[in-house]
Each structure stands twice: as structure tokens, then as C-alpha cells.
Amino acid sequence: MPDPTIRRAGEPDLPAVLGLYAELNDGRVATPDRAEALLRRFDAYPDYGLYVAEVEGRIVGTFCLLILDNIAHWGTPSALVESVVVSATERGTGLGRRMMREAGRLAGEKGCYKLALSSNVDAKPAHRFYESLGFEAYGYSFRLDPPFTRDTAEETA
């Protein structure tokens, strides 16, 4: 595979990005108008970016990277990678490894003390991939779906 170009995404990249997300979400994705509005909102975040991997003019991978300012940990920021997708046609080519290396490079430039991500508990191939990059399972990830407030008295009654 030729070397990919990994860069911040722009509005013209959104149809391809939505196509990649559709591969993992049974075709369910944001509407193009909603995706464009969200991409414009990313500019309000100082260090939040949607990135794409492009090979020979085709968008074949994507990830989001958020640098979080932090008062804890001596005021050192942390980085969070989300929404990592490599096209089914490019899996196993080293593209995901290159994308994660770029995410790590960007986090390192910002002086982050850690690079973290979460993965669906059932995504065993993804877990093996992240472990091959040196990521370690650490702690627990918890999730709460709406409504975000629950009356615990009702649950214990």
C-alpha cells in the first residue's frame, strides 16, 4: 500500500467519513447536514479534530482526537482517541497502525501524559490491535444511556 496522507478532515471529506462510519454502524450515520454542522463546531474546541487517512485520493480511514486540558496530573493534558475506523478493504495493511502513530505524535506534541481510547467490549479484534500497539487494558469504562439521571430510590424499592 502506498504511504497514506493523514490530515485533518474538511467538509468535502464528510461523505467518505460517513461511509466509513456506516461500515461499523449498520448504515446508521448522521445526516450530511448534521455532519457538516458538527465539523464546523469542532473549530470551537481548541484541540479537537476529525482526521482522515487518504490513499491515492481515497479516504480509507478516520479517527477523532481530543486533547483535554487537565488541572489534575500537574496540569498536564491528556488525549482521547475516538471513532477509529479503517475501511474493510484496507484492514490488515498497516493503515490503522499508521493512524494511531499519528494520533500519538499529535498527543506527544501537546505534551499529553496519556493517550486513551475506549472500545466496545465485544470488539475482540480491535482489542488485539490496540494491545499490539502497546495499549493496556486499564480500569473500567462505564456508560449511562439517557435519561442521564436516575432516581435510585425507585431502583431499590
N, C-alpha and C. Protein backbone atom coordinates (compact mmCIF):
# COMPACT_ATOMS: atom_id res chain seq x y z
N MET A 1 0.84 -1.17 0.00
CA MET A 1 0.00 0.00 0.00
C MET A 1 0.89 1.24 0.00
N PRO A 2 0.58 2.21 -0.85
CA PRO A 2 1.34 3.46 -0.81
C PRO A 2 1.16 4.15 0.54
N ASP A 3 2.11 5.00 0.90
CA ASP A 3 2.00 5.71 2.17
C ASP A 3 0.74 6.57 2.19
N PRO A 4 -0.01 6.49 3.28
CA PRO A 4 -1.21 7.32 3.39
C PRO A 4 -0.84 8.74 3.79
N THR A 5 -1.70 9.65 3.43
CA THR A 5 -1.64 11.01 3.94
C THR A 5 -2.66 11.07 5.06
N ILE A 6 -2.23 11.47 6.24
CA ILE A 6 -3.14 11.61 7.37
C ILE A 6 -3.23 13.09 7.67
N ARG A 7 -4.46 13.61 7.63
CA ARG A 7 -4.66 15.04 7.76
C ARG A 7 -6.01 15.32 8.40
N ARG A 8 -6.18 16.57 8.84
CA ARG A 8 -7.48 16.97 9.34
C ARG A 8 -8.49 16.93 8.21
N ALA A 9 -9.69 16.50 8.54
CA ALA A 9 -10.74 16.40 7.54
C ALA A 9 -11.37 17.76 7.30
N GLY A 10 -11.88 17.93 6.09
CA GLY A 10 -12.66 19.10 5.72
C GLY A 10 -14.04 18.66 5.27
N GLU A 11 -14.91 19.62 5.04
CA GLU A 11 -16.27 19.29 4.63
C GLU A 11 -16.33 18.39 3.40
N PRO A 12 -15.45 18.57 2.39
CA PRO A 12 -15.53 17.66 1.23
C PRO A 12 -15.26 16.20 1.57
N ASP A 13 -14.63 15.93 2.73
CA ASP A 13 -14.32 14.56 3.14
C ASP A 13 -15.48 13.86 3.83
N LEU A 14 -16.50 14.62 4.21
CA LEU A 14 -17.56 14.04 5.04
C LEU A 14 -18.32 12.88 4.40
N PRO A 15 -18.66 12.91 3.12
CA PRO A 15 -19.35 11.72 2.57
C PRO A 15 -18.53 10.44 2.75
N ALA A 16 -17.23 10.52 2.54
CA ALA A 16 -16.38 9.33 2.71
C ALA A 16 -16.30 8.92 4.17
N VAL A 17 -16.20 9.90 5.07
CA VAL A 17 -16.15 9.60 6.51
C VAL A 17 -17.45 8.94 6.94
N LEU A 18 -18.58 9.48 6.50
CA LEU A 18 -19.86 8.87 6.86
C LEU A 18 -19.96 7.45 6.30
N GLY A 19 -19.39 7.23 5.12
CA GLY A 19 -19.36 5.88 4.56
C GLY A 19 -18.56 4.92 5.43
N LEU A 20 -17.44 5.38 5.98
CA LEU A 20 -16.65 4.54 6.88
C LEU A 20 -17.43 4.24 8.16
N TYR A 21 -18.07 5.26 8.74
CA TYR A 21 -18.86 5.02 9.95
C TYR A 21 -20.00 4.05 9.67
N ALA A 22 -20.59 4.12 8.48
CA ALA A 22 -21.69 3.23 8.12
C ALA A 22 -21.24 1.77 8.11
N GLU A 23 -19.96 1.52 7.79
CA GLU A 23 -19.44 0.14 7.80
C GLU A 23 -19.56 -0.49 9.17
N LEU A 24 -19.44 0.32 10.22
CA LEU A 24 -19.45 -0.22 11.58
C LEU A 24 -20.78 -0.05 12.29
N ASN A 25 -21.67 0.75 11.73
CA ASN A 25 -22.92 1.07 12.43
C ASN A 25 -24.16 0.66 11.65
N ASP A 26 -24.08 -0.45 10.95
CA ASP A 26 -25.24 -0.96 10.20
C ASP A 26 -25.85 0.10 9.31
N GLY A 27 -25.02 0.99 8.76
CA GLY A 27 -25.51 2.01 7.84
C GLY A 27 -26.07 3.24 8.52
N ARG A 28 -26.18 3.23 9.83
CA ARG A 28 -26.75 4.37 10.56
C ARG A 28 -25.67 5.41 10.83
N VAL A 29 -25.85 6.59 10.29
CA VAL A 29 -24.90 7.69 10.48
C VAL A 29 -25.65 9.00 10.54
N ALA A 30 -24.93 10.05 10.92
CA ALA A 30 -25.51 11.39 10.91
C ALA A 30 -25.87 11.79 9.48
N THR A 31 -26.82 12.66 9.35
CA THR A 31 -27.14 13.18 8.02
C THR A 31 -25.98 14.05 7.56
N PRO A 32 -25.82 14.23 6.26
CA PRO A 32 -24.75 15.10 5.77
C PRO A 32 -24.83 16.52 6.35
N ASP A 33 -26.02 17.09 6.47
CA ASP A 33 -26.16 18.44 7.04
C ASP A 33 -25.71 18.47 8.49
N ARG A 34 -26.09 17.45 9.25
CA ARG A 34 -25.70 17.38 10.67
C ARG A 34 -24.19 17.20 10.78
N ALA A 35 -23.60 16.37 9.93
CA ALA A 35 -22.15 16.15 9.96
C ALA A 35 -21.41 17.45 9.64
N GLU A 36 -21.89 18.20 8.67
CA GLU A 36 -21.25 19.49 8.33
C GLU A 36 -21.33 20.46 9.49
N ALA A 37 -22.49 20.54 10.13
CA ALA A 37 -22.65 21.44 11.28
C ALA A 37 -21.72 21.03 12.42
N LEU A 38 -21.59 19.74 12.66
CA LEU A 38 -20.71 19.27 13.73
C LEU A 38 -19.24 19.56 13.41
N LEU A 39 -18.85 19.35 12.18
CA LEU A 39 -17.47 19.63 11.81
C LEU A 39 -17.15 21.11 12.01
N ARG A 40 -18.08 21.99 11.69
CA ARG A 40 -17.87 23.43 11.93
C ARG A 40 -17.77 23.71 13.42
N ARG A 41 -18.53 23.00 14.23
CA ARG A 41 -18.47 23.20 15.70
C ARG A 41 -17.12 22.79 16.27
N PHE A 42 -16.45 21.84 15.63
CA PHE A 42 -15.16 21.40 16.14
C PHE A 42 -14.20 22.57 16.26
N ASP A 43 -14.37 23.59 15.43
CA ASP A 43 -13.49 24.76 15.49
C ASP A 43 -13.59 25.48 16.83
N ALA A 44 -14.71 25.30 17.56
CA ALA A 44 -14.87 25.93 18.88
C ALA A 44 -14.02 25.24 19.94
N TYR A 45 -13.63 24.01 19.68
CA TYR A 45 -12.78 23.28 20.61
C TYR A 45 -11.33 23.57 20.22
N PRO A 46 -10.50 23.95 21.17
CA PRO A 46 -9.13 24.28 20.78
C PRO A 46 -8.35 23.11 20.18
N ASP A 47 -8.58 21.91 20.65
CA ASP A 47 -7.77 20.77 20.20
C ASP A 47 -8.64 19.54 19.95
N TYR A 48 -9.64 19.69 19.11
CA TYR A 48 -10.49 18.56 18.74
C TYR A 48 -10.48 18.48 17.23
N GLY A 49 -10.11 17.33 16.70
CA GLY A 49 -10.05 17.21 15.26
C GLY A 49 -10.55 15.89 14.75
N LEU A 50 -11.17 15.94 13.60
CA LEU A 50 -11.52 14.76 12.83
C LEU A 50 -10.43 14.60 11.79
N TYR A 51 -9.80 13.44 11.76
CA TYR A 51 -8.68 13.17 10.86
C TYR A 51 -9.06 12.09 9.87
N VAL A 52 -8.49 12.16 8.68
CA VAL A 52 -8.71 11.13 7.68
C VAL A 52 -7.37 10.62 7.18
N ALA A 53 -7.39 9.37 6.75
CA ALA A 53 -6.25 8.75 6.06
C ALA A 53 -6.65 8.59 4.62
N GLU A 54 -5.81 9.13 3.75
CA GLU A 54 -6.11 9.13 2.31
C GLU A 54 -5.01 8.38 1.57
N VAL A 55 -5.43 7.47 0.71
CA VAL A 55 -4.51 6.70 -0.13
C VAL A 55 -4.98 6.83 -1.57
N GLU A 56 -4.09 7.34 -2.40
CA GLU A 56 -4.39 7.50 -3.83
C GLU A 56 -5.74 8.18 -4.06
N GLY A 57 -5.99 9.24 -3.29
CA GLY A 57 -7.21 10.02 -3.47
C GLY A 57 -8.46 9.46 -2.81
N ARG A 58 -8.34 8.33 -2.13
CA ARG A 58 -9.49 7.71 -1.46
C ARG A 58 -9.34 7.85 0.05
N ILE A 59 -10.42 8.25 0.73
CA ILE A 59 -10.45 8.29 2.20
C ILE A 59 -10.71 6.86 2.66
N VAL A 60 -9.73 6.27 3.36
CA VAL A 60 -9.83 4.87 3.75
C VAL A 60 -9.73 4.65 5.26
N GLY A 61 -9.61 5.73 6.01
CA GLY A 61 -9.56 5.62 7.46
C GLY A 61 -9.88 6.94 8.10
N THR A 62 -10.28 6.88 9.36
CA THR A 62 -10.60 8.10 10.10
C THR A 62 -10.45 7.86 11.59
N PHE A 63 -10.21 8.94 12.32
CA PHE A 63 -10.24 8.93 13.77
C PHE A 63 -10.47 10.35 14.26
N CYS A 64 -10.95 10.47 15.48
CA CYS A 64 -11.08 11.76 16.14
C CYS A 64 -10.06 11.80 17.26
N LEU A 65 -9.49 12.98 17.48
CA LEU A 65 -8.53 13.16 18.57
C LEU A 65 -8.92 14.41 19.34
N LEU A 66 -9.07 14.25 20.64
CA LEU A 66 -9.40 15.36 21.53
C LEU A 66 -8.30 15.48 22.57
N ILE A 67 -7.71 16.67 22.66
CA ILE A 67 -6.73 16.96 23.70
C ILE A 67 -7.49 17.67 24.82
N LEU A 68 -7.45 17.08 26.00
CA LEU A 68 -8.19 17.60 27.15
C LEU A 68 -7.25 18.32 28.11
N ASP A 69 -7.51 19.60 28.33
CA ASP A 69 -6.77 20.29 29.37
C ASP A 69 -7.15 19.68 30.70
N ASN A 70 -6.25 19.75 31.66
CA ASN A 70 -6.44 19.00 32.89
C ASN A 70 -5.78 19.73 34.04
N ILE A 71 -6.51 20.01 35.10
CA ILE A 71 -5.90 20.60 36.28
C ILE A 71 -5.18 19.53 37.10
N ALA A 72 -5.73 18.32 37.11
CA ALA A 72 -5.06 17.20 37.78
C ALA A 72 -3.81 16.82 36.98
N HIS A 73 -3.05 15.89 37.48
CA HIS A 73 -1.83 15.41 36.81
C HIS A 73 -0.90 16.58 36.48
N TRP A 74 -0.72 17.45 37.47
CA TRP A 74 0.22 18.56 37.37
C TRP A 74 -0.13 19.55 36.26
N GLY A 75 -1.40 19.59 35.87
CA GLY A 75 -1.82 20.48 34.80
C GLY A 75 -1.45 19.98 33.42
N THR A 76 -1.14 18.70 33.31
CA THR A 76 -0.73 18.12 32.04
C THR A 76 -1.95 17.60 31.28
N PRO A 77 -2.06 17.90 30.00
CA PRO A 77 -3.22 17.43 29.24
C PRO A 77 -3.18 15.93 28.97
N SER A 78 -4.33 15.41 28.63
CA SER A 78 -4.44 14.02 28.18
C SER A 78 -5.08 14.03 26.80
N ALA A 79 -4.98 12.90 26.12
CA ALA A 79 -5.55 12.80 24.78
C ALA A 79 -6.50 11.62 24.73
N LEU A 80 -7.58 11.81 23.98
CA LEU A 80 -8.59 10.78 23.81
C LEU A 80 -8.81 10.54 22.32
N VAL A 81 -8.65 9.29 21.90
CA VAL A 81 -8.91 8.89 20.52
C VAL A 81 -10.29 8.25 20.48
N GLU A 82 -11.09 8.64 19.51
CA GLU A 82 -12.43 8.10 19.34
C GLU A 82 -12.69 7.81 17.87
N SER A 83 -13.69 7.02 17.62
CA SER A 83 -14.23 6.81 16.27
C SER A 83 -13.16 6.39 15.27
N VAL A 84 -12.35 5.40 15.66
CA VAL A 84 -11.30 4.88 14.78
C VAL A 84 -11.93 3.88 13.82
N VAL A 85 -11.78 4.13 12.52
CA VAL A 85 -12.31 3.22 11.51
C VAL A 85 -11.31 3.11 10.37
N VAL A 86 -11.06 1.89 9.96
CA VAL A 86 -10.29 1.62 8.75
C VAL A 86 -11.23 0.87 7.81
N SER A 87 -11.27 1.29 6.57
CA SER A 87 -12.12 0.65 5.57
C SER A 87 -11.85 -0.85 5.54
N ALA A 88 -12.90 -1.61 5.36
CA ALA A 88 -12.77 -3.08 5.31
C ALA A 88 -11.75 -3.49 4.24
N THR A 89 -11.65 -2.74 3.17
CA THR A 89 -10.71 -3.09 2.09
C THR A 89 -9.26 -2.83 2.47
N GLU A 90 -9.03 -2.05 3.52
CA GLU A 90 -7.66 -1.69 3.91
C GLU A 90 -7.21 -2.30 5.23
N ARG A 91 -8.09 -3.04 5.89
CA ARG A 91 -7.71 -3.65 7.17
C ARG A 91 -6.60 -4.67 6.94
N GLY A 92 -5.65 -4.69 7.85
CA GLY A 92 -4.54 -5.62 7.75
C GLY A 92 -3.38 -5.08 6.92
N THR A 93 -3.46 -3.85 6.44
CA THR A 93 -2.40 -3.27 5.61
C THR A 93 -1.43 -2.40 6.40
N GLY A 94 -1.69 -2.19 7.69
CA GLY A 94 -0.86 -1.31 8.49
C GLY A 94 -1.41 0.11 8.57
N LEU A 95 -2.52 0.38 7.92
CA LEU A 95 -3.09 1.72 7.93
C LEU A 95 -3.52 2.14 9.34
N GLY A 96 -4.21 1.26 10.06
CA GLY A 96 -4.63 1.59 11.42
C GLY A 96 -3.44 1.91 12.31
N ARG A 97 -2.37 1.16 12.15
CA ARG A 97 -1.14 1.39 12.91
C ARG A 97 -0.59 2.79 12.60
N ARG A 98 -0.58 3.15 11.33
CA ARG A 98 -0.09 4.48 10.94
C ARG A 98 -0.98 5.59 11.51
N MET A 99 -2.30 5.36 11.47
CA MET A 99 -3.21 6.37 12.01
C MET A 99 -2.99 6.55 13.51
N MET A 100 -2.86 5.45 14.24
CA MET A 100 -2.66 5.56 15.68
C MET A 100 -1.30 6.17 16.02
N ARG A 101 -0.31 5.89 15.19
CA ARG A 101 1.00 6.51 15.37
C ARG A 101 0.88 8.03 15.22
N GLU A 102 0.10 8.47 14.25
CA GLU A 102 -0.11 9.90 14.05
C GLU A 102 -0.87 10.51 15.22
N ALA A 103 -1.88 9.82 15.73
CA ALA A 103 -2.60 10.30 16.91
C ALA A 103 -1.63 10.44 18.09
N GLY A 104 -0.75 9.46 18.26
CA GLY A 104 0.24 9.53 19.33
C GLY A 104 1.23 10.67 19.13
N ARG A 105 1.63 10.89 17.89
CA ARG A 105 2.55 12.00 17.60
C ARG A 105 1.90 13.34 17.94
N LEU A 106 0.63 13.51 17.54
CA LEU A 106 -0.08 14.75 17.83
C LEU A 106 -0.25 14.96 19.33
N ALA A 107 -0.58 13.87 20.05
CA ALA A 107 -0.73 13.96 21.51
C ALA A 107 0.61 14.30 22.16
N GLY A 108 1.68 13.70 21.65
CA GLY A 108 3.01 14.00 22.18
C GLY A 108 3.40 15.45 21.97
N GLU A 109 3.06 16.00 20.82
CA GLU A 109 3.36 17.42 20.55
C GLU A 109 2.68 18.34 21.55
N LYS A 110 1.52 17.92 22.05
CA LYS A 110 0.77 18.73 23.02
C LYS A 110 1.20 18.45 24.45
N GLY A 111 2.16 17.53 24.64
CA GLY A 111 2.66 17.23 25.98
C GLY A 111 1.73 16.39 26.82
N CYS A 112 0.90 15.58 26.20
CA CYS A 112 -0.07 14.77 26.93
C CYS A 112 0.62 13.71 27.78
N TYR A 113 0.05 13.46 28.95
CA TYR A 113 0.60 12.43 29.82
C TYR A 113 0.05 11.05 29.49
N LYS A 114 -1.06 10.99 28.71
CA LYS A 114 -1.57 9.69 28.28
C LYS A 114 -2.39 9.86 27.01
N LEU A 115 -2.50 8.78 26.29
CA LEU A 115 -3.36 8.66 25.12
C LEU A 115 -4.31 7.52 25.44
N ALA A 116 -5.59 7.81 25.50
CA ALA A 116 -6.57 6.82 25.91
C ALA A 116 -7.61 6.62 24.81
N LEU A 117 -8.27 5.48 24.87
CA LEU A 117 -9.39 5.20 23.98
C LEU A 117 -10.28 4.19 24.65
N SER A 118 -11.49 4.08 24.16
CA SER A 118 -12.37 3.02 24.63
C SER A 118 -12.81 2.21 23.43
N SER A 119 -13.19 0.98 23.70
CA SER A 119 -13.58 0.08 22.62
C SER A 119 -14.74 -0.77 23.12
N ASN A 120 -15.64 -1.10 22.23
CA ASN A 120 -16.76 -1.95 22.59
C ASN A 120 -16.23 -3.26 23.17
N VAL A 121 -16.84 -3.71 24.23
CA VAL A 121 -16.39 -4.91 24.93
C VAL A 121 -16.36 -6.14 24.01
N ASP A 122 -17.18 -6.16 22.98
CA ASP A 122 -17.23 -7.30 22.07
C ASP A 122 -16.28 -7.19 20.88
N ALA A 123 -15.56 -6.09 20.76
CA ALA A 123 -14.69 -5.87 19.60
C ALA A 123 -13.32 -6.49 19.83
N LYS A 124 -13.28 -7.80 19.94
CA LYS A 124 -12.03 -8.51 20.26
C LYS A 124 -10.90 -8.26 19.26
N PRO A 125 -11.17 -8.24 17.95
CA PRO A 125 -10.07 -7.94 17.02
C PRO A 125 -9.48 -6.53 17.25
N ALA A 126 -10.35 -5.58 17.56
CA ALA A 126 -9.85 -4.22 17.85
C ALA A 126 -9.00 -4.24 19.12
N HIS A 127 -9.41 -5.00 20.12
CA HIS A 127 -8.63 -5.08 21.36
C HIS A 127 -7.23 -5.63 21.07
N ARG A 128 -7.17 -6.69 20.27
CA ARG A 128 -5.86 -7.26 19.93
C ARG A 128 -5.01 -6.24 19.17
N PHE A 129 -5.64 -5.49 18.27
CA PHE A 129 -4.92 -4.45 17.53
C PHE A 129 -4.36 -3.40 18.49
N TYR A 130 -5.18 -2.88 19.38
CA TYR A 130 -4.70 -1.84 20.30
C TYR A 130 -3.60 -2.38 21.22
N GLU A 131 -3.75 -3.60 21.67
CA GLU A 131 -2.70 -4.20 22.50
C GLU A 131 -1.40 -4.36 21.72
N SER A 132 -1.49 -4.66 20.43
CA SER A 132 -0.28 -4.79 19.61
C SER A 132 0.46 -3.46 19.48
N LEU A 133 -0.27 -2.36 19.71
CA LEU A 133 0.34 -1.03 19.66
C LEU A 133 0.89 -0.59 21.01
N GLY A 134 0.70 -1.43 22.03
CA GLY A 134 1.21 -1.09 23.36
C GLY A 134 0.15 -0.58 24.32
N PHE A 135 -1.08 -0.42 23.86
CA PHE A 135 -2.15 0.00 24.77
C PHE A 135 -2.40 -1.14 25.76
N GLU A 136 -2.71 -0.77 26.99
CA GLU A 136 -3.02 -1.75 28.02
C GLU A 136 -4.44 -1.52 28.51
N ALA A 137 -5.15 -2.62 28.77
CA ALA A 137 -6.45 -2.50 29.40
C ALA A 137 -6.21 -1.90 30.78
N TYR A 138 -6.95 -0.86 31.09
CA TYR A 138 -6.71 -0.14 32.34
C TYR A 138 -8.04 0.32 32.89
N GLY A 139 -8.37 -0.08 34.09
CA GLY A 139 -9.59 0.38 34.72
C GLY A 139 -10.83 -0.15 34.03
N TYR A 140 -11.90 0.57 34.21
CA TYR A 140 -13.18 0.21 33.63
C TYR A 140 -13.73 1.41 32.88
N SER A 141 -14.48 1.12 31.87
CA SER A 141 -15.21 2.15 31.16
C SER A 141 -16.68 1.93 31.49
N PHE A 142 -17.35 2.97 31.91
CA PHE A 142 -18.76 2.86 32.26
C PHE A 142 -19.58 3.71 31.31
N ARG A 143 -20.83 3.33 31.13
CA ARG A 143 -21.71 4.02 30.19
C ARG A 143 -23.09 4.15 30.82
N LEU A 144 -23.70 5.29 30.57
CA LEU A 144 -25.07 5.53 31.01
C LEU A 144 -25.81 6.12 29.83
N ASP A 145 -26.88 5.45 29.40
CA ASP A 145 -27.70 5.95 28.32
C ASP A 145 -28.79 6.85 28.88
N PRO A 146 -29.34 7.73 28.06
CA PRO A 146 -30.41 8.63 28.53
C PRO A 146 -31.58 7.82 29.06
N PRO A 147 -32.26 8.32 30.06
CA PRO A 147 -32.03 9.59 30.74
C PRO A 147 -30.81 9.49 31.65
N PHE A 148 -30.05 10.56 31.74
CA PHE A 148 -28.79 10.53 32.47
C PHE A 148 -28.94 10.68 33.97
N THR A 149 -30.12 10.96 34.44
CA THR A 149 -30.38 11.00 35.88
C THR A 149 -31.38 9.90 36.19
N ARG A 150 -31.09 9.16 37.21
CA ARG A 150 -31.97 8.07 37.62
C ARG A 150 -32.30 8.26 39.09
N ASP A 151 -33.50 7.98 39.44
CA ASP A 151 -33.89 8.04 40.84
C ASP A 151 -33.55 6.69 41.46
N THR A 152 -32.47 6.66 42.23
CA THR A 152 -32.02 5.38 42.80
C THR A 152 -33.02 4.85 43.82
N ALA A 153 -33.85 5.73 44.41
CA ALA A 153 -34.85 5.25 45.36
C ALA A 153 -35.82 4.31 44.67
N GLU A 154 -36.18 4.59 43.42
CA GLU A 154 -37.09 3.72 42.69
C GLU A 154 -36.44 2.38 42.41
N GLU A 155 -35.15 2.37 42.13
CA GLU A 155 -34.46 1.13 41.80
C GLU A 155 -34.30 0.22 43.00
N THR A 156 -34.22 0.79 44.21
CA THR A 156 -34.01 -0.04 45.40
C THR A 156 -35.32 -0.38 46.09
N ALA A 157 -36.43 0.23 45.64
CA ALA A 157 -37.71 -0.01 46.30
C ALA A 157 -38.27 -1.36 45.91
